[in-house]
Amino acid sequence: MRKVLLVLSGIVAKEFLTTLMLKHLHKNVYIFVSSDSNLLPKNLPQDSKAYNFDPSSSSKLKEILTPEIADCYVVLEDIKEREAVYHTLRRYNKMLQITMLGEIPLARSDKQLIMLNEAHLLSSRLFEKFPNVPKTTKSIGLGEGEIMQVSVPFGSPYAYRSVGVIKQKMWKIVAIYRNNGLILPKYSTTILPNDALLLVGEPDTLRDIYRRIKEESGQFPTPFGRDVVLYFDLLHSKDLEYYLHQTIWLFQLFKNKRLEVCFLNPTNIATIRKIENHPLLNTGEISWSIEYHKTSLKELVQKDSASKNIGLILLEEYCFTRYRGYLLNLGIPLLKFGTQPLDSLTHSVVVLPKDTEEAEKISSVVFDFSTQLGLKILLYDFDPNEENHGQALDYYKHIAKVFNKKLEINNTSLQNPILWLNSQKNMLQILPLRKEGVKRNPLFSMRDVENLSAYLIKIPQLFVPISV
């Protein structure tokens, strides 16, 4: 549950609070602040708190602020009070999402602040009542929930995802509202935190999508897909037992997902019989199949992509190396096993890339995947003096508070990250997967950490798509 701060005063705040208590009070943990004791709710849900003091008092407001607060709503009639509250909140946390009724003067732009102009809202609502004015989504369609608008919070699995990598079955993202503007999304359009998505689809599906957008953890491999698939080449790959145990151990940590094991290139009858009678494959929770006709992993994945909702592909070293170029252009998350077993891991690591926006784009997966596996998160900053790296670190610190996770940071300019990664134990690397994939010859990009990382074989690696 998200922790939300509400700073309230005036008649609009009273109406807002009445609506909140009737429809949404038990959805989050709330902190109410008001100088008017009559505005504070009497029956608070568990873990919520109410404070009666002047919120424009910086010293008093700072006393109740905690890192776990993810959102703040400011409904105050006096502009000076709004300004005072805003500056107190922003000094405490520059990444806190603030939604304010009314406007205040700003010295610089603030992407984490939404100001709602009261006059504009009222005039727009009045204009809707005029004759010959096109109807809005409030009054069109079936009225059964097939049209929905959802805001994307920080830490959502949908934040920093390209529209094209999100599996949309029985629903569609038809528009994105950002900074008071309308975007008609393309496959390559990236969804950002604070975006409002206009969704159209089957009502029950939309309600499920709403929950997935709003929840911060336990979602991966959503929104890429639902099915987890292990591909194993019986002719060229070794240690079947090892990879089956690792796959099932991983799958049991995921929620509401489906696992399928696909074998290709069967070698003999004995191997087939072993698979048919294998206790790990006959538990009722796992689907498996043997491909007798297609001998290429590329052909098999192409066939499966049409019939399965693949959200994560699991591969051992041979299949990954043999089909690297194709796999890294699929736009599907890939987990490459290493010589270190998954159940021995203690940390996930992100080496901050040169383009630090890529670090932000994979952040929700980093925290979600690490949380599900119970891993500590380590950021390896090989260039701590780079200005953009500081912004990326601030972003990760903010998301860590949302997920209630501790973050370890290794700042160094002495040890090459590839050499460092190759020497690590009990660690999984999470890295961005670009659409252009990894060059076949590492000599062409010796300074590209993501390119060189793909050639490591010791540590497991999770490749996260960032484009389509």
Protein backbone atom coordinates (compact mmCIF):
# COMPACT_ATOMS: atom_id res chain seq x y z
CA MET A 1 0.00 0.00 0.00
CA ARG A 2 1.22 3.50 -0.84
CA LYS A 3 1.67 6.11 1.88
CA VAL A 4 -0.07 9.38 0.93
CA LEU A 5 0.16 12.79 2.63
CA LEU A 6 -2.90 15.08 2.47
CA VAL A 7 -2.60 18.75 3.52
CA LEU A 8 -6.09 20.21 3.76
CA SER A 9 -8.12 23.35 4.44
CA GLY A 10 -11.31 24.94 3.12
CA ILE A 11 -14.61 23.80 1.66
CA VAL A 12 -13.09 22.06 -1.37
CA ALA A 13 -10.86 20.03 0.95
CA LYS A 14 -13.95 19.04 2.94
CA GLU A 15 -15.73 17.78 -0.19
CA PHE A 16 -12.59 16.01 -1.36
CA LEU A 17 -12.19 14.28 2.00
CA THR A 18 -15.85 13.20 2.00
CA THR A 19 -15.42 11.56 -1.41
CA LEU A 20 -12.19 9.91 -0.32
CA MET A 21 -13.75 8.41 2.80
CA LEU A 22 -16.70 7.02 0.89
CA LYS A 23 -14.83 5.47 -2.02
CA HIS A 24 -11.12 5.00 -1.42
CA LEU A 25 -10.14 5.28 2.23
CA HIS A 26 -8.85 1.74 2.66
CA LYS A 27 -6.77 1.64 -0.53
CA ASN A 28 -3.70 3.38 0.92
CA VAL A 29 -2.04 4.50 4.16
CA TYR A 30 -2.82 8.18 4.78
CA ILE A 31 -1.34 11.04 6.78
CA PHE A 32 -3.85 13.89 7.22
CA VAL A 33 -2.69 17.40 8.18
CA SER A 34 -5.00 20.37 8.77
CA SER A 35 -5.23 23.42 11.02
CA ASP A 36 -9.01 22.79 11.14
CA SER A 37 -9.70 19.85 13.47
CA ASN A 38 -13.17 19.44 11.92
CA LEU A 39 -11.54 18.41 8.64
CA LEU A 40 -9.66 15.49 10.15
CA PRO A 41 -11.41 12.11 9.85
CA LYS A 42 -12.47 10.47 13.11
CA ASN A 43 -12.27 6.81 12.07
CA LEU A 44 -8.89 6.23 10.52
CA PRO A 45 -7.87 3.04 8.72
CA GLN A 46 -5.03 1.00 10.16
CA ASP A 47 -1.60 2.73 10.17
CA SER A 48 -3.09 6.08 9.02
CA LYS A 49 -2.61 9.20 11.18
CA ALA A 50 -4.15 12.67 11.55
CA TYR A 51 -2.38 15.83 12.77
CA ASN A 52 -3.97 19.12 13.84
CA PHE A 53 -1.49 21.96 13.25
CA ASP A 54 -0.73 24.78 10.82
CA PRO A 55 0.90 23.02 7.80
CA SER A 56 2.69 26.22 6.78
CA SER A 57 4.90 25.72 9.82
CA SER A 58 8.00 24.16 8.31
CA SER A 59 9.33 22.78 11.60
CA LYS A 60 6.08 21.00 12.47
CA LEU A 61 5.52 19.61 8.97
CA LYS A 62 9.06 18.23 8.75
CA GLU A 63 8.53 16.27 11.98
CA ILE A 64 5.91 14.01 10.39
CA LEU A 65 7.55 13.51 6.99
CA THR A 66 8.98 10.06 6.31
CA PRO A 67 10.87 8.61 3.30
CA GLU A 68 7.99 6.16 2.68
CA ILE A 69 5.59 8.95 1.61
CA ALA A 70 5.16 8.48 -2.14
CA ASP A 71 2.52 11.12 -2.97
CA CYS A 72 1.25 14.37 -1.50
CA TYR A 73 -2.01 16.22 -2.19
CA VAL A 74 -2.20 19.88 -1.19
CA VAL A 75 -5.68 21.44 -0.99
CA LEU A 76 -5.22 24.84 0.66
CA GLU A 77 -7.14 28.05 0.02
CA ASP A 78 -4.32 30.47 0.87
CA ILE A 79 -1.58 30.79 -1.77
CA LYS A 80 1.07 31.69 0.82
CA GLU A 81 0.26 28.52 2.74
CA ARG A 82 0.54 26.50 -0.49
CA GLU A 83 3.94 28.04 -1.19
CA ALA A 84 5.21 27.33 2.32
CA VAL A 85 4.04 23.71 2.23
CA TYR A 86 5.50 23.17 -1.24
CA HIS A 87 8.96 24.46 -0.30
CA THR A 88 9.02 22.38 2.89
CA LEU A 89 8.11 19.23 0.98
CA ARG A 90 10.53 19.90 -1.84
CA ARG A 91 13.44 20.59 0.50
CA TYR A 92 12.72 17.28 2.21
CA ASN A 93 12.40 15.22 -0.98
CA LYS A 94 12.95 16.61 -4.47
CA MET A 95 11.44 13.50 -6.09
CA LEU A 96 8.16 13.50 -4.10
CA GLN A 97 5.10 13.62 -6.35
CA ILE A 98 2.97 16.65 -5.35
CA THR A 99 -0.51 17.39 -6.68
CA MET A 100 -1.81 20.84 -5.74
CA LEU A 101 -5.18 22.50 -6.17
CA GLY A 102 -4.32 26.04 -7.18
CA GLU A 103 -1.08 27.54 -8.44
CA ILE A 104 2.07 29.02 -6.95
CA PRO A 105 4.97 30.92 -8.54
CA LEU A 106 8.01 28.76 -9.28
CA ALA A 107 11.62 29.79 -9.78
CA ARG A 108 12.22 26.72 -11.97
CA SER A 109 10.13 23.97 -13.54
CA ASP A 110 9.23 20.97 -11.39
CA LYS A 111 8.26 17.79 -13.23
CA GLN A 112 7.10 16.19 -9.98
CA LEU A 113 4.51 18.93 -9.35
CA ILE A 114 1.01 19.02 -10.82
CA MET A 115 -0.89 22.27 -10.29
CA LEU A 116 -4.63 22.25 -11.02
CA ASN A 117 -6.07 25.61 -12.02
CA GLU A 118 -9.43 25.98 -10.24
CA ALA A 119 -10.87 28.49 -12.70
CA HIS A 120 -9.92 26.30 -15.65
CA LEU A 121 -11.50 23.22 -14.08
CA LEU A 122 -14.77 25.01 -13.33
CA SER A 123 -15.01 26.71 -16.72
CA SER A 124 -14.32 23.43 -18.53
CA ARG A 125 -17.03 21.67 -16.53
CA LEU A 126 -19.50 24.49 -17.29
CA PHE A 127 -18.62 24.43 -21.01
CA GLU A 128 -19.51 20.73 -21.16
CA LYS A 129 -23.13 21.70 -20.46
CA PHE A 130 -23.36 23.91 -23.57
CA PRO A 131 -25.44 22.65 -26.51
CA ASN A 132 -23.58 21.21 -29.52
CA VAL A 133 -20.44 20.48 -27.47
CA PRO A 134 -18.85 17.03 -28.12
CA LYS A 135 -19.40 14.62 -25.26
CA THR A 136 -16.49 13.44 -23.16
CA THR A 137 -15.76 9.95 -21.84
CA LYS A 138 -17.98 10.69 -18.85
CA SER A 139 -21.04 10.31 -21.00
CA ILE A 140 -20.15 8.10 -23.96
CA GLY A 141 -19.78 4.40 -24.55
CA LEU A 142 -21.53 1.66 -22.62
CA GLY A 143 -20.87 3.21 -19.26
CA GLU A 144 -19.63 -0.13 -17.93
CA GLY A 145 -15.98 0.74 -17.44
CA GLU A 146 -14.69 0.03 -20.94
CA ILE A 147 -12.99 3.45 -20.99
CA MET A 148 -10.58 4.23 -18.16
CA GLN A 149 -7.93 6.79 -17.32
CA VAL A 150 -5.08 5.67 -15.05
CA SER A 151 -2.15 7.72 -13.72
CA VAL A 152 1.24 5.97 -13.63
CA PRO A 153 3.00 6.22 -10.25
CA PHE A 154 6.74 6.05 -9.60
CA GLY A 155 7.83 2.44 -9.29
CA SER A 156 5.02 1.14 -11.48
CA PRO A 157 6.02 -1.74 -13.79
CA TYR A 158 4.55 0.35 -16.63
CA ALA A 159 6.79 3.37 -15.99
CA TYR A 160 9.58 3.81 -18.55
CA ARG A 161 8.14 1.08 -20.77
CA SER A 162 7.73 1.57 -24.50
CA VAL A 163 4.11 1.11 -25.54
CA GLY A 164 5.22 -1.53 -28.04
CA VAL A 165 6.72 -3.88 -25.43
CA ILE A 166 3.52 -3.95 -23.36
CA LYS A 167 1.31 -6.91 -24.23
CA GLN A 168 -2.18 -5.51 -24.87
CA LYS A 169 -4.73 -8.28 -25.27
CA MET A 170 -8.40 -7.30 -24.85
CA TRP A 171 -7.30 -3.71 -24.16
CA LYS A 172 -5.33 -0.84 -25.72
CA ILE A 173 -3.48 2.31 -24.69
CA VAL A 174 -5.14 4.83 -27.00
CA ALA A 175 -3.79 8.11 -25.58
CA ILE A 176 -1.32 9.51 -23.08
CA TYR A 177 -1.79 12.82 -21.23
CA ARG A 178 1.48 14.45 -20.17
CA ASN A 179 2.17 17.99 -18.93
CA ASN A 180 -1.34 19.13 -19.93
CA GLY A 181 -0.82 17.80 -23.45
CA LEU A 182 -2.21 14.90 -25.49
CA ILE A 183 0.06 12.24 -27.03
CA LEU A 184 -1.21 9.69 -29.54
CA PRO A 185 1.20 6.87 -28.74
CA LYS A 186 3.35 4.98 -31.21
CA TYR A 187 5.05 1.65 -30.53
CA SER A 188 8.20 3.55 -29.57
CA THR A 189 6.47 6.03 -27.20
CA THR A 190 7.88 5.70 -23.67
CA ILE A 191 5.48 5.89 -20.71
CA LEU A 192 6.79 8.15 -17.94
CA PRO A 193 5.87 8.45 -14.26
CA ASN A 194 2.92 10.84 -13.75
CA ASP A 195 1.55 10.11 -17.23
CA ALA A 196 -2.20 9.53 -17.42
CA LEU A 197 -3.05 6.63 -19.73
CA LEU A 198 -6.39 6.49 -21.54
CA LEU A 199 -7.31 2.82 -21.83
CA VAL A 200 -10.06 1.14 -23.84
CA GLY A 201 -10.94 -2.50 -23.47
CA GLU A 202 -13.00 -5.20 -21.79
CA PRO A 203 -14.06 -3.85 -18.35
CA ASP A 204 -12.80 -6.79 -16.27
CA THR A 205 -9.47 -6.66 -18.11
CA LEU A 206 -9.13 -2.93 -17.50
CA ARG A 207 -9.73 -3.38 -13.78
CA ASP A 208 -6.93 -5.93 -13.70
CA ILE A 209 -4.64 -3.62 -15.71
CA TYR A 210 -5.45 -0.76 -13.32
CA ARG A 211 -4.29 -2.89 -10.39
CA ARG A 212 -1.10 -3.88 -12.21
CA ILE A 213 -0.25 -0.28 -13.12
CA LYS A 214 -0.76 0.90 -9.55
CA GLU A 215 1.07 -1.92 -7.76
CA GLU A 216 4.81 -1.46 -7.38
CA SER A 217 6.05 -4.99 -6.69
CA GLY A 218 5.36 -8.62 -7.48
CA GLN A 219 4.41 -7.94 -11.11
CA PHE A 220 7.41 -8.94 -13.23
CA PRO A 221 7.40 -10.16 -16.00
CA THR A 222 4.31 -7.96 -16.41
CA PRO A 223 3.86 -5.79 -18.47
CA PHE A 224 6.04 -7.61 -21.03
CA GLY A 225 3.86 -10.71 -20.84
CA ARG A 226 2.74 -13.50 -18.53
CA ASP A 227 4.44 -16.70 -19.69
CA VAL A 228 7.89 -17.73 -18.44
CA VAL A 229 9.54 -20.02 -20.98
CA LEU A 230 12.72 -22.09 -20.69
CA TYR A 231 14.22 -23.19 -24.02
CA PHE A 232 16.64 -26.11 -23.80
CA ASP A 233 18.57 -27.67 -26.67
CA LEU A 234 18.87 -31.40 -25.90
CA LEU A 235 21.57 -31.90 -28.53
CA HIS A 236 24.01 -29.16 -27.59
CA SER A 237 23.20 -28.12 -24.01
CA LYS A 238 24.33 -29.91 -20.86
CA ASP A 239 23.22 -30.20 -17.22
CA LEU A 240 19.45 -30.48 -17.80
CA GLU A 241 18.82 -31.25 -14.12
CA TYR A 242 20.63 -28.08 -13.00
CA TYR A 243 18.62 -25.80 -15.28
CA LEU A 244 15.30 -27.45 -14.44
CA HIS A 245 15.88 -27.00 -10.72
CA GLN A 246 16.94 -23.38 -11.22
CA THR A 247 13.94 -22.63 -13.45
CA ILE A 248 11.40 -24.10 -11.04
CA TRP A 249 13.01 -22.40 -8.05
CA LEU A 250 12.71 -19.06 -9.86
CA PHE A 251 9.17 -19.69 -11.07
CA GLN A 252 7.90 -20.48 -7.58
CA LEU A 253 8.84 -16.95 -6.50
CA PHE A 254 6.68 -15.33 -9.19
CA LYS A 255 2.97 -14.61 -8.67
CA ASN A 256 0.20 -15.59 -11.11
CA LYS A 257 2.53 -16.55 -13.93
CA ARG A 258 2.72 -19.60 -16.21
CA LEU A 259 5.80 -21.71 -16.86
CA GLU A 260 6.52 -23.72 -19.97
CA VAL A 261 9.64 -25.75 -20.73
CA CYS A 262 10.35 -26.24 -24.45
CA PHE A 263 12.84 -28.88 -25.53
CA LEU A 264 14.26 -28.97 -29.04
CA ASN A 265 16.53 -31.36 -30.92
CA PRO A 266 15.72 -34.57 -28.97
CA THR A 267 18.63 -36.98 -29.32
CA ASN A 268 17.22 -40.44 -28.51
CA ILE A 269 14.28 -42.36 -27.10
CA ALA A 270 15.88 -42.64 -23.67
CA THR A 271 16.06 -38.85 -23.32
CA ILE A 272 12.44 -38.49 -24.37
CA ARG A 273 11.32 -41.10 -21.84
CA LYS A 274 13.32 -39.35 -19.12
CA ILE A 275 11.52 -36.08 -19.84
CA GLU A 276 8.11 -37.73 -19.97
CA ASN A 277 8.62 -39.29 -16.53
CA HIS A 278 10.58 -36.46 -14.90
CA PRO A 279 9.05 -35.64 -11.47
CA LEU A 280 9.74 -31.91 -11.78
CA LEU A 281 7.83 -31.72 -15.07
CA ASN A 282 4.75 -33.57 -13.94
CA THR A 283 3.55 -31.54 -10.97
CA GLY A 284 0.53 -30.05 -12.73
CA GLU A 285 1.90 -26.51 -12.44
CA ILE A 286 4.23 -26.71 -15.43
CA SER A 287 3.62 -27.21 -19.15
CA TRP A 288 6.28 -28.77 -21.30
CA SER A 289 6.71 -29.80 -24.91
CA ILE A 290 9.26 -31.40 -27.21
CA GLU A 291 9.78 -29.90 -30.65
CA TYR A 292 10.47 -32.66 -33.17
CA HIS A 293 10.41 -30.65 -36.40
CA LYS A 294 12.05 -27.27 -35.87
CA THR A 295 15.76 -27.58 -35.14
CA SER A 296 16.44 -23.83 -34.80
CA LEU A 297 15.65 -21.92 -31.62
CA LYS A 298 14.86 -18.88 -33.77
CA GLU A 299 12.11 -20.77 -35.62
CA LEU A 300 10.68 -22.14 -32.37
CA VAL A 301 10.55 -18.73 -30.68
CA GLN A 302 8.91 -17.21 -33.76
CA LYS A 303 6.23 -19.89 -33.63
CA ASP A 304 5.69 -19.54 -29.88
CA SER A 305 5.45 -15.75 -30.02
CA ALA A 306 2.23 -16.10 -31.98
CA SER A 307 0.59 -18.50 -29.52
CA LYS A 308 2.10 -17.58 -26.13
CA ASN A 309 2.11 -14.40 -24.08
CA ILE A 310 5.87 -14.57 -23.46
CA GLY A 311 7.10 -12.20 -20.75
CA LEU A 312 10.44 -13.81 -19.89
CA ILE A 313 12.74 -16.22 -21.74
CA LEU A 314 15.19 -18.38 -19.78
CA LEU A 315 18.32 -19.61 -21.54
CA GLU A 316 21.54 -21.39 -20.73
CA GLU A 317 24.88 -20.33 -22.21
CA TYR A 318 24.85 -22.31 -25.48
CA CYS A 319 21.45 -21.10 -26.72
CA PHE A 320 22.17 -17.51 -25.69
CA THR A 321 25.56 -17.45 -27.43
CA ARG A 322 24.34 -19.26 -30.55
CA TYR A 323 21.33 -16.96 -31.09
CA ARG A 324 22.51 -13.80 -29.30
CA GLY A 325 21.86 -11.39 -32.16
CA TYR A 326 18.31 -12.62 -32.73
CA LEU A 327 17.36 -12.88 -29.06
CA LEU A 328 18.56 -9.41 -28.14
CA ASN A 329 16.34 -7.90 -30.83
CA LEU A 330 13.15 -9.65 -29.72
CA GLY A 331 12.06 -6.99 -27.25
CA ILE A 332 11.38 -9.70 -24.64
CA PRO A 333 13.21 -9.88 -21.28
CA LEU A 334 15.94 -12.55 -21.24
CA LEU A 335 17.45 -14.29 -18.25
CA LYS A 336 20.74 -15.97 -19.05
CA PHE A 337 21.83 -18.52 -16.47
CA GLY A 338 25.39 -18.41 -15.21
CA THR A 339 27.63 -20.90 -13.49
CA GLN A 340 26.43 -19.45 -10.18
CA PRO A 341 23.00 -20.85 -9.24
CA LEU A 342 20.11 -18.46 -8.73
CA ASP A 343 19.26 -19.82 -5.30
CA SER A 344 22.72 -18.79 -4.03
CA LEU A 345 22.40 -15.13 -5.03
CA THR A 346 22.49 -12.33 -2.48
CA HIS A 347 22.62 -9.20 -4.69
CA SER A 348 21.42 -7.79 -7.98
CA VAL A 349 23.71 -5.20 -9.55
CA VAL A 350 23.21 -2.39 -12.05
CA VAL A 351 26.31 -0.87 -13.63
CA LEU A 352 25.20 2.68 -14.39
CA PRO A 353 25.31 2.97 -18.19
CA LYS A 354 26.69 5.94 -20.10
CA ASP A 355 23.13 6.92 -20.94
CA THR A 356 21.74 7.22 -17.42
CA GLU A 357 18.16 7.41 -18.72
CA GLU A 358 18.57 3.71 -19.46
CA ALA A 359 19.19 3.11 -15.76
CA GLU A 360 15.90 4.83 -14.96
CA LYS A 361 14.05 2.86 -17.62
CA ILE A 362 14.98 -0.49 -16.06
CA SER A 363 14.52 0.70 -12.46
CA SER A 364 11.04 -0.73 -11.87
CA VAL A 365 12.21 -4.17 -13.05
CA VAL A 366 15.35 -3.93 -10.89
CA PHE A 367 13.32 -3.36 -7.74
CA ASP A 368 10.46 -5.71 -8.64
CA PHE A 369 12.68 -8.64 -9.66
CA SER A 370 15.06 -8.12 -6.73
CA THR A 371 12.16 -7.95 -4.28
CA GLN A 372 10.63 -11.18 -5.57
CA LEU A 373 13.98 -12.99 -5.27
CA GLY A 374 14.87 -11.37 -1.95
CA LEU A 375 18.05 -9.77 -3.32
CA LYS A 376 19.85 -6.68 -2.10
CA ILE A 377 20.38 -4.01 -4.78
CA LEU A 378 23.82 -2.64 -5.63
CA LEU A 379 24.55 0.26 -8.00
CA TYR A 380 28.06 0.25 -9.48
CA ASP A 381 29.03 3.78 -10.51
CA PHE A 382 32.25 3.62 -12.52
CA ASP A 383 32.21 7.38 -13.22
CA PRO A 384 31.01 9.05 -9.99
CA ASN A 385 31.98 12.51 -11.21
CA GLU A 386 29.55 12.34 -14.14
CA GLU A 387 26.73 14.85 -13.49
CA ASN A 388 24.00 12.67 -14.99
CA HIS A 389 25.00 9.77 -12.73
CA GLY A 390 24.02 11.88 -9.72
CA GLN A 391 20.54 12.31 -11.19
CA ALA A 392 20.23 8.57 -11.77
CA LEU A 393 21.35 7.83 -8.22
CA ASP A 394 18.76 10.29 -6.84
CA TYR A 395 16.08 8.55 -8.86
CA TYR A 396 17.06 5.11 -7.56
CA LYS A 397 17.12 6.42 -3.98
CA HIS A 398 13.58 7.69 -4.44
CA ILE A 399 12.32 4.40 -5.89
CA ALA A 400 14.08 2.55 -3.05
CA LYS A 401 11.88 4.48 -0.60
CA VAL A 402 8.76 3.59 -2.59
CA PHE A 403 9.69 -0.11 -2.52
CA ASN A 404 11.02 0.13 1.06
CA LYS A 405 14.33 -1.39 -0.10
CA LYS A 406 17.86 -0.62 0.98
CA LEU A 407 20.25 0.48 -1.72
CA GLU A 408 24.00 -0.11 -1.79
CA ILE A 409 26.19 2.16 -3.94
CA ASN A 410 29.75 1.46 -5.06
CA ASN A 411 31.45 4.62 -6.37
CA THR A 412 34.81 4.02 -8.02
CA SER A 413 36.91 5.08 -10.97
CA LEU A 414 39.66 2.55 -10.35
CA GLN A 415 38.29 -0.87 -11.26
CA ASN A 416 36.87 -1.62 -14.70
CA PRO A 417 33.24 -2.77 -14.28
CA ILE A 418 33.69 -5.81 -16.57
CA LEU A 419 36.66 -7.07 -14.55
CA TRP A 420 34.74 -6.33 -11.36
CA LEU A 421 31.63 -8.20 -12.57
CA ASN A 422 33.68 -11.20 -13.65
CA SER A 423 35.15 -11.51 -10.15
CA GLN A 424 31.84 -11.36 -8.27
CA LYS A 425 30.04 -14.22 -6.55
CA ASN A 426 26.39 -14.56 -5.54
CA MET A 427 25.42 -11.69 -7.82
CA LEU A 428 23.02 -11.22 -10.74
CA GLN A 429 23.45 -8.37 -13.22
CA ILE A 430 20.41 -6.48 -14.53
CA LEU A 431 21.11 -4.43 -17.64
CA PRO A 432 19.22 -2.58 -20.37
CA LEU A 433 18.49 -4.43 -23.58
CA ARG A 434 18.64 -2.07 -26.54
CA LYS A 435 16.72 -2.81 -29.71
CA GLU A 436 19.89 -2.89 -31.82
CA GLY A 437 21.21 -5.69 -29.61
CA VAL A 438 24.84 -6.48 -28.97
CA LYS A 439 27.51 -6.33 -31.65
CA ARG A 440 28.97 -9.69 -32.54
CA ASN A 441 32.55 -8.51 -32.28
CA PRO A 442 33.26 -6.91 -28.88
CA LEU A 443 36.34 -5.18 -30.32
CA PHE A 444 33.97 -2.74 -32.05
CA SER A 445 32.71 -1.41 -28.72
CA MET A 446 35.32 -2.11 -26.06
CA ARG A 447 34.07 0.84 -24.00
CA ASP A 448 30.43 -0.27 -24.11
CA VAL A 449 29.76 -1.99 -20.78
CA GLU A 450 26.40 -3.40 -21.88
CA ASN A 451 27.96 -4.92 -25.00
CA LEU A 452 30.85 -6.52 -23.13
CA SER A 453 28.63 -7.75 -20.30
CA ALA A 454 26.82 -10.06 -22.70
CA TYR A 455 30.01 -12.10 -23.04
CA LEU A 456 30.33 -12.86 -19.33
CA ILE A 457 29.45 -16.46 -18.39
CA LYS A 458 29.90 -16.66 -14.62
CA ILE A 459 27.13 -14.47 -13.26
CA PRO A 460 23.44 -14.77 -14.23
CA GLN A 461 22.12 -11.80 -16.20
CA LEU A 462 18.68 -10.31 -16.78
CA PHE A 463 18.35 -8.25 -19.98
CA VAL A 464 15.46 -5.75 -19.84
CA PRO A 465 14.06 -4.24 -23.09
CA ILE A 466 13.97 -0.45 -23.19
CA SER A 467 12.87 0.08 -26.81
CA VAL A 468 10.99 -1.59 -29.64
